[in-house]
């Protein structure tokens, strides 16, 4: 289930809410009970190595694409 990050405009608290994507736009109440919140734009970082088809050379020293571009 996706996790959405919110910030309360009243107290400044930042908190997370787990909810289905179908409810992503629904308002959230902060843990202190304030209703004036805003959903924050969150970034996602995906790390790790791909399988044998990752990168043109199949090996390499890492970098931004696993070594396939020679970076």
PDB file of N, CA and C in Angstrom:
ATOM      1  N   UNK A   1       0.849  -1.176   0.000  1.00  0.00           N
ATOM      2  CA  UNK A   1       0.000   0.000   0.000  1.00  0.00           C
ATOM      3  C   UNK A   1       0.899   1.245   0.000  1.00  0.00           C
ATOM      4  N   UNK A   2       0.601   2.211  -0.831  1.00  0.00           N
ATOM      5  CA  UNK A   2       1.432   3.424  -0.898  1.00  0.00           C
ATOM      6  C   UNK A   2       1.411   4.226   0.401  1.00  0.00           C
ATOM      7  N   UNK A   3       2.516   4.915   0.635  1.00  0.00           N
ATOM      8  CA  UNK A   3       2.658   5.771   1.812  1.00  0.00           C
ATOM      9  C   UNK A   3       2.739   7.210   1.320  1.00  0.00           C
ATOM     10  N   UNK A   4       1.915   8.075   1.878  1.00  0.00           N
ATOM     11  CA  UNK A   4       1.871   9.478   1.494  1.00  0.00           C
ATOM     12  C   UNK A   4       2.321  10.337   2.666  1.00  0.00           C
ATOM     13  N   UNK A   5       3.092  11.375   2.369  1.00  0.00           N
ATOM     14  CA  UNK A   5       3.631  12.255   3.404  1.00  0.00           C
ATOM     15  C   UNK A   5       2.846  13.565   3.398  1.00  0.00           C
ATOM     16  N   UNK A   6       2.458  14.009   4.573  1.00  0.00           N
ATOM     17  CA  UNK A   6       1.688  15.240   4.744  1.00  0.00           C
ATOM     18  C   UNK A   6       2.391  16.161   5.722  1.00  0.00           C
ATOM     19  N   UNK A   7       2.102  17.456   5.637  1.00  0.00           N
ATOM     20  CA  UNK A   7       2.572  18.431   6.613  1.00  0.00           C
ATOM     21  C   UNK A   7       1.365  19.221   7.094  1.00  0.00           C
ATOM     22  N   UNK A   8       1.290  19.409   8.410  1.00  0.00           N
ATOM     23  CA  UNK A   8       0.216  20.178   9.017  1.00  0.00           C
ATOM     24  C   UNK A   8       0.564  21.657   8.947  1.00  0.00           C
ATOM     25  N   UNK A   9      -0.342  22.453   8.428  1.00  0.00           N
ATOM     26  CA  UNK A   9      -0.107  23.901   8.346  1.00  0.00           C
ATOM     27  C   UNK A   9      -0.275  24.574   9.700  1.00  0.00           C
ATOM     28  N   UNK A  10      -1.025  23.971  10.597  1.00  0.00           N
ATOM     29  CA  UNK A  10      -1.271  24.572  11.908  1.00  0.00           C
ATOM     30  C   UNK A  10      -0.075  24.406  12.851  1.00  0.00           C
ATOM     31  N   UNK A  11       0.486  23.182  12.925  1.00  0.00           N
ATOM     32  CA  UNK A  11       1.557  22.934  13.889  1.00  0.00           C
ATOM     33  C   UNK A  11       2.908  22.620  13.238  1.00  0.00           C
ATOM     34  N   UNK A  12       2.934  22.428  11.917  1.00  0.00           N
ATOM     35  CA  UNK A  12       4.185  22.158  11.220  1.00  0.00           C
ATOM     36  C   UNK A  12       4.653  20.720  11.282  1.00  0.00           C
ATOM     37  N   UNK A  13       3.884  19.839  11.915  1.00  0.00           N
ATOM     38  CA  UNK A  13       4.255  18.436  12.030  1.00  0.00           C
ATOM     39  C   UNK A  13       4.197  17.765  10.657  1.00  0.00           C
ATOM     40  N   UNK A  14       5.163  16.891  10.379  1.00  0.00           N
ATOM     41  CA  UNK A  14       5.168  16.095   9.154  1.00  0.00           C
ATOM     42  C   UNK A  14       4.842  14.662   9.543  1.00  0.00           C
ATOM     43  N   UNK A  15       3.930  14.022   8.805  1.00  0.00           N
ATOM     44  CA  UNK A  15       3.504  12.671   9.136  1.00  0.00           C
ATOM     45  C   UNK A  15       3.189  11.895   7.870  1.00  0.00           C
ATOM     46  N   UNK A  16       3.137  10.580   8.001  1.00  0.00           N
ATOM     47  CA  UNK A  16       2.878   9.692   6.870  1.00  0.00           C
ATOM     48  C   UNK A  16       1.558   8.969   7.064  1.00  0.00           C
ATOM     49  N   UNK A  17       0.895   8.682   5.941  1.00  0.00           N
ATOM     50  CA  UNK A  17      -0.368   7.959   5.945  1.00  0.00           C
ATOM     51  C   UNK A  17      -0.279   6.849   4.902  1.00  0.00           C
ATOM     52  N   UNK A  18      -0.605   5.629   5.295  1.00  0.00           N
ATOM     53  CA  UNK A  18      -0.696   4.510   4.359  1.00  0.00           C
ATOM     54  C   UNK A  18      -2.145   4.390   3.920  1.00  0.00           C
ATOM     55  N   UNK A  19      -2.362   4.440   2.595  1.00  0.00           N
ATOM     56  CA  UNK A  19      -3.724   4.322   2.073  1.00  0.00           C
ATOM     57  C   UNK A  19      -3.666   3.870   0.631  1.00  0.00           C
ATOM     58  N   UNK A  20      -4.772   3.316   0.123  1.00  0.00           N
ATOM     59  CA  UNK A  20      -4.786   2.881  -1.276  1.00  0.00           C
ATOM     60  C   UNK A  20      -4.660   4.068  -2.233  1.00  0.00           C
ATOM     61  N   UNK A  21      -4.175   3.806  -3.435  1.00  0.00           N
ATOM     62  CA  UNK A  21      -4.018   4.869  -4.428  1.00  0.00           C
ATOM     63  C   UNK A  21      -5.353   5.534  -4.753  1.00  0.00           C
ATOM     64  N   UNK A  22      -6.438   4.799  -4.641  1.00  0.00           N
ATOM     65  CA  UNK A  22      -7.754   5.368  -4.921  1.00  0.00           C
ATOM     66  C   UNK A  22      -8.133   6.469  -3.929  1.00  0.00           C
ATOM     67  N   UNK A  23      -7.447   6.525  -2.781  1.00  0.00           N
ATOM     68  CA  UNK A  23      -7.715   7.541  -1.759  1.00  0.00           C
ATOM     69  C   UNK A  23      -6.571   8.551  -1.645  1.00  0.00           C
ATOM     70  N   UNK A  24      -5.703   8.612  -2.656  1.00  0.00           N
ATOM     71  CA  UNK A  24      -4.516   9.473  -2.599  1.00  0.00           C
ATOM     72  C   UNK A  24      -4.867  10.942  -2.428  1.00  0.00           C
ATOM     73  N   UNK A  25      -5.957  11.392  -3.026  1.00  0.00           N
ATOM     74  CA  UNK A  25      -6.327  12.806  -2.972  1.00  0.00           C
ATOM     75  C   UNK A  25      -7.170  13.167  -1.745  1.00  0.00           C
ATOM     76  N   UNK A  26      -7.538  12.180  -0.940  1.00  0.00           N
ATOM     77  CA  UNK A  26      -8.375  12.439   0.230  1.00  0.00           C
ATOM     78  C   UNK A  26      -7.591  13.252   1.267  1.00  0.00           C
ATOM     79  N   UNK A  27      -8.272  14.164   1.978  1.00  0.00           N
ATOM     80  CA  UNK A  27      -7.583  14.945   3.014  1.00  0.00           C
ATOM     81  C   UNK A  27      -7.153  14.051   4.178  1.00  0.00           C
ATOM     82  N   UNK A  28      -6.152  14.502   4.909  1.00  0.00           N
ATOM     83  CA  UNK A  28      -5.652  13.762   6.075  1.00  0.00           C
ATOM     84  C   UNK A  28      -5.639  14.691   7.279  1.00  0.00           C
ATOM     85  N   UNK A  29      -5.903  14.140   8.437  1.00  0.00           N
ATOM     86  CA  UNK A  29      -5.851  14.886   9.690  1.00  0.00           C
ATOM     87  C   UNK A  29      -4.535  14.578  10.380  1.00  0.00           C
ATOM     88  N   UNK A  30      -3.851  15.608  10.878  1.00  0.00           N
ATOM     89  CA  UNK A  30      -2.564  15.386  11.537  1.00  0.00           C
ATOM     90  C   UNK A  30      -2.780  14.663  12.866  1.00  0.00           C
ATOM     91  N   UNK A  31      -1.731  14.029  13.405  1.00  0.00           N
ATOM     92  CA  UNK A  31      -1.857  13.300  14.670  1.00  0.00           C
ATOM     93  C   UNK A  31      -2.329  14.166  15.836  1.00  0.00           C
ATOM     94  N   UNK A  32      -2.131  15.497  15.743  1.00  0.00           N
ATOM     95  CA  UNK A  32      -2.593  16.395  16.802  1.00  0.00           C
ATOM     96  C   UNK A  32      -4.045  16.812  16.619  1.00  0.00           C
ATOM     97  N   UNK A  33      -4.673  16.353  15.521  1.00  0.00           N
ATOM     98  CA  UNK A  33      -6.087  16.631  15.307  1.00  0.00           C
ATOM     99  C   UNK A  33      -6.392  17.790  14.386  1.00  0.00           C
ATOM    100  N   UNK A  34      -5.386  18.456  13.848  1.00  0.00           N
ATOM    101  CA  UNK A  34      -5.615  19.573  12.935  1.00  0.00           C
ATOM    102  C   UNK A  34      -5.989  19.053  11.558  1.00  0.00           C
ATOM    103  N   UNK A  35      -6.901  19.743  10.888  1.00  0.00           N
ATOM    104  CA  UNK A  35      -7.359  19.311   9.575  1.00  0.00           C
ATOM    105  C   UNK A  35      -6.726  20.048   8.419  1.00  0.00           C
ATOM    106  N   UNK A  36      -5.965  21.121   8.692  1.00  0.00           N
ATOM    107  CA  UNK A  36      -5.366  21.924   7.624  1.00  0.00           C
ATOM    108  C   UNK A  36      -4.003  21.342   7.260  1.00  0.00           C
ATOM    109  N   UNK A  37      -4.018  20.348   6.362  1.00  0.00           N
ATOM    110  CA  UNK A  37      -2.779  19.670   5.973  1.00  0.00           C
ATOM    111  C   UNK A  37      -2.582  19.758   4.468  1.00  0.00           C
ATOM    112  N   UNK A  38      -1.356  19.536   4.046  1.00  0.00           N
ATOM    113  CA  UNK A  38      -1.014  19.546   2.630  1.00  0.00           C
ATOM    114  C   UNK A  38      -0.172  18.306   2.338  1.00  0.00           C
ATOM    115  N   UNK A  39      -0.465  17.656   1.205  1.00  0.00           N
ATOM    116  CA  UNK A  39       0.303  16.473   0.809  1.00  0.00           C
ATOM    117  C   UNK A  39       1.618  16.929   0.198  1.00  0.00           C
ATOM    118  N   UNK A  40       2.720  16.315   0.640  1.00  0.00           N
ATOM    119  CA  UNK A  40       4.051  16.674   0.156  1.00  0.00           C
ATOM    120  C   UNK A  40       4.424  15.823  -1.046  1.00  0.00           C
ATOM    121  N   UNK A  41       5.243  16.379  -1.900  1.00  0.00           N
ATOM    122  CA  UNK A  41       5.771  15.643  -3.040  1.00  0.00           C
ATOM    123  C   UNK A  41       6.958  14.832  -2.554  1.00  0.00           C
ATOM    124  N   UNK A  42       6.864  13.526  -2.635  1.00  0.00           N
ATOM    125  CA  UNK A  42       7.924  12.647  -2.160  1.00  0.00           C
ATOM    126  C   UNK A  42       8.694  12.090  -3.346  1.00  0.00           C
ATOM    127  N   UNK A  43       9.969  11.814  -3.117  1.00  0.00           N
ATOM    128  CA  UNK A  43      10.789  11.200  -4.146  1.00  0.00           C
ATOM    129  C   UNK A  43      11.021   9.746  -3.786  1.00  0.00           C
ATOM    130  N   UNK A  44      11.265   8.947  -4.794  1.00  0.00           N
ATOM    131  CA  UNK A  44      11.515   7.531  -4.599  1.00  0.00           C
ATOM    132  C   UNK A  44      12.879   7.209  -5.186  1.00  0.00           C
ATOM    133  N   UNK A  45      13.679   6.504  -4.442  1.00  0.00           N
ATOM    134  CA  UNK A  45      14.989   6.072  -4.927  1.00  0.00           C
ATOM    135  C   UNK A  45      14.982   4.563  -5.065  1.00  0.00           C
ATOM    136  N   UNK A  46      15.305   4.086  -6.242  1.00  0.00           N
ATOM    137  CA  UNK A  46      15.382   2.651  -6.476  1.00  0.00           C
ATOM    138  C   UNK A  46      16.845   2.317  -6.710  1.00  0.00           C
ATOM    139  N   UNK A  47      17.352   1.414  -5.905  1.00  0.00           N
ATOM    140  CA  UNK A  47      18.756   1.040  -6.034  1.00  0.00           C
ATOM    141  C   UNK A  47      18.875  -0.456  -6.214  1.00  0.00           C
ATOM    142  N   UNK A  48      20.018  -0.880  -6.636  1.00  0.00           N
ATOM    143  CA  UNK A  48      20.268  -2.302  -6.808  1.00  0.00           C
ATOM    144  C   UNK A  48      20.747  -2.576  -8.219  1.00  0.00           C
ATOM    145  N   UNK A  49      21.181  -3.778  -8.422  1.00  0.00           N
ATOM    146  CA  UNK A  49      21.675  -4.180  -9.739  1.00  0.00           C
ATOM    147  C   UNK A  49      20.600  -4.972 -10.445  1.00  0.00           C
ATOM    148  N   UNK A  50      20.536  -4.774 -11.737  1.00  0.00           N
ATOM    149  CA  UNK A  50      19.612  -5.541 -12.553  1.00  0.00           C
ATOM    150  C   UNK A  50      20.161  -6.915 -12.849  1.00  0.00           C
ATOM    151  N   UNK A  51      19.429  -7.654 -13.635  1.00  0.00           N
ATOM    152  CA  UNK A  51      19.848  -8.995 -14.027  1.00  0.00           C
ATOM    153  C   UNK A  51      20.937  -8.935 -15.081  1.00  0.00           C
ATOM    154  N   UNK A  52      21.173 -10.041 -15.755  1.00  0.00           N
ATOM    155  CA  UNK A  52      22.251 -10.103 -16.732  1.00  0.00           C
ATOM    156  C   UNK A  52      22.057  -9.193 -17.938  1.00  0.00           C
ATOM    157  N   UNK A  53      20.866  -8.711 -18.173  1.00  0.00           N
ATOM    158  CA  UNK A  53      20.632  -7.823 -19.312  1.00  0.00           C
ATOM    159  C   UNK A  53      20.793  -6.362 -18.942  1.00  0.00           C
ATOM    160  N   UNK A  54      21.118  -6.058 -17.698  1.00  0.00           N
ATOM    161  CA  UNK A  54      21.270  -4.660 -17.270  1.00  0.00           C
ATOM    162  C   UNK A  54      22.594  -4.120 -17.778  1.00  0.00           C
ATOM    163  N   UNK A  55      22.552  -3.090 -18.580  1.00  0.00           N
ATOM    164  CA  UNK A  55      23.770  -2.478 -19.099  1.00  0.00           C
ATOM    165  C   UNK A  55      24.236  -3.174 -20.364  1.00  0.00           C
ATOM    166  N   UNK A  56      24.825  -2.426 -21.255  1.00  0.00           N
ATOM    167  CA  UNK A  56      25.238  -2.954 -22.544  1.00  0.00           C
ATOM    168  C   UNK A  56      26.402  -3.928 -22.424  1.00  0.00           C
ATOM    169  N   UNK A  57      27.304  -3.682 -21.488  1.00  0.00           N
ATOM    170  CA  UNK A  57      28.486  -4.528 -21.407  1.00  0.00           C
ATOM    171  C   UNK A  57      28.299  -5.704 -20.460  1.00  0.00           C
ATOM    172  N   UNK A  58      27.214  -5.706 -19.688  1.00  0.00           N
ATOM    173  CA  UNK A  58      26.967  -6.797 -18.763  1.00  0.00           C
ATOM    174  C   UNK A  58      27.810  -6.740 -17.508  1.00  0.00           C
ATOM    175  N   UNK A  59      28.728  -5.814 -17.418  1.00  0.00           N
ATOM    176  CA  UNK A  59      29.556  -5.680 -16.232  1.00  0.00           C
ATOM    177  C   UNK A  59      29.835  -4.226 -16.022  1.00  0.00           C
ATOM    178  N   UNK A  60      30.912  -3.921 -15.423  1.00  0.00           N
ATOM    179  CA  UNK A  60      31.266  -2.523 -15.270  1.00  0.00           C
ATOM    180  C   UNK A  60      31.421  -2.151 -13.835  1.00  0.00           C
ATOM    181  N   UNK A  61      31.662  -0.881 -13.642  1.00  0.00           N
ATOM    182  CA  UNK A  61      31.978  -0.422 -12.315  1.00  0.00           C
ATOM    183  C   UNK A  61      30.862   0.274 -11.583  1.00  0.00           C
ATOM    184  N   UNK A  62      29.638   0.095 -11.978  1.00  0.00           N
ATOM    185  CA  UNK A  62      28.539   0.743 -11.280  1.00  0.00           C
ATOM    186  C   UNK A  62      28.117   1.986 -12.000  1.00  0.00           C
ATOM    187  N   UNK A  63      28.145   3.114 -11.346  1.00  0.00           N
ATOM    188  CA  UNK A  63      27.713   4.364 -11.971  1.00  0.00           C
ATOM    189  C   UNK A  63      26.209   4.444 -12.030  1.00  0.00           C
ATOM    190  N   UNK A  64      25.728   5.299 -12.882  1.00  0.00           N
ATOM    191  CA  UNK A  64      24.294   5.571 -12.912  1.00  0.00           C
ATOM    192  C   UNK A  64      23.484   4.436 -13.526  1.00  0.00           C
ATOM    193  N   UNK A  65      24.098   3.573 -14.328  1.00  0.00           N
ATOM    194  CA  UNK A  65      23.331   2.528 -15.015  1.00  0.00           C
ATOM    195  C   UNK A  65      23.954   1.149 -14.859  1.00  0.00           C
ATOM    196  N   UNK A  66      24.764   0.953 -13.867  1.00  0.00           N
ATOM    197  CA  UNK A  66      25.396  -0.332 -13.677  1.00  0.00           C
ATOM    198  C   UNK A  66      26.632  -0.546 -14.524  1.00  0.00           C
ATOM    199  N   UNK A  67      27.130   0.492 -15.158  1.00  0.00           N
ATOM    200  CA  UNK A  67      28.344   0.397 -15.949  1.00  0.00           C
ATOM    201  C   UNK A  67      28.113   0.278 -17.437  1.00  0.00           C
ATOM    202  N   UNK A  68      26.858   0.174 -17.871  1.00  0.00           N
ATOM    203  CA  UNK A  68      26.562  -0.013 -19.286  1.00  0.00           C
ATOM    204  C   UNK A  68      26.952   1.159 -20.166  1.00  0.00           C
ATOM    205  N   UNK A  69      26.963   2.368 -19.612  1.00  0.00           N
ATOM    206  CA  UNK A  69      27.291   3.539 -20.438  1.00  0.00           C
ATOM    207  C   UNK A  69      28.742   3.984 -20.243  1.00  0.00           C
ATOM    208  N   UNK A  70      29.447   3.348 -19.378  1.00  0.00           N
ATOM    209  CA  UNK A  70      30.837   3.702 -19.143  1.00  0.00           C
ATOM    210  C   UNK A  70      31.037   4.901 -18.250  1.00  0.00           C
ATOM    211  N   UNK A  71      30.017   5.267 -17.505  1.00  0.00           N
ATOM    212  CA  UNK A  71      30.148   6.443 -16.632  1.00  0.00           C
ATOM    213  C   UNK A  71      30.942   6.144 -15.388  1.00  0.00           C
TER     214      UNK A  71
END
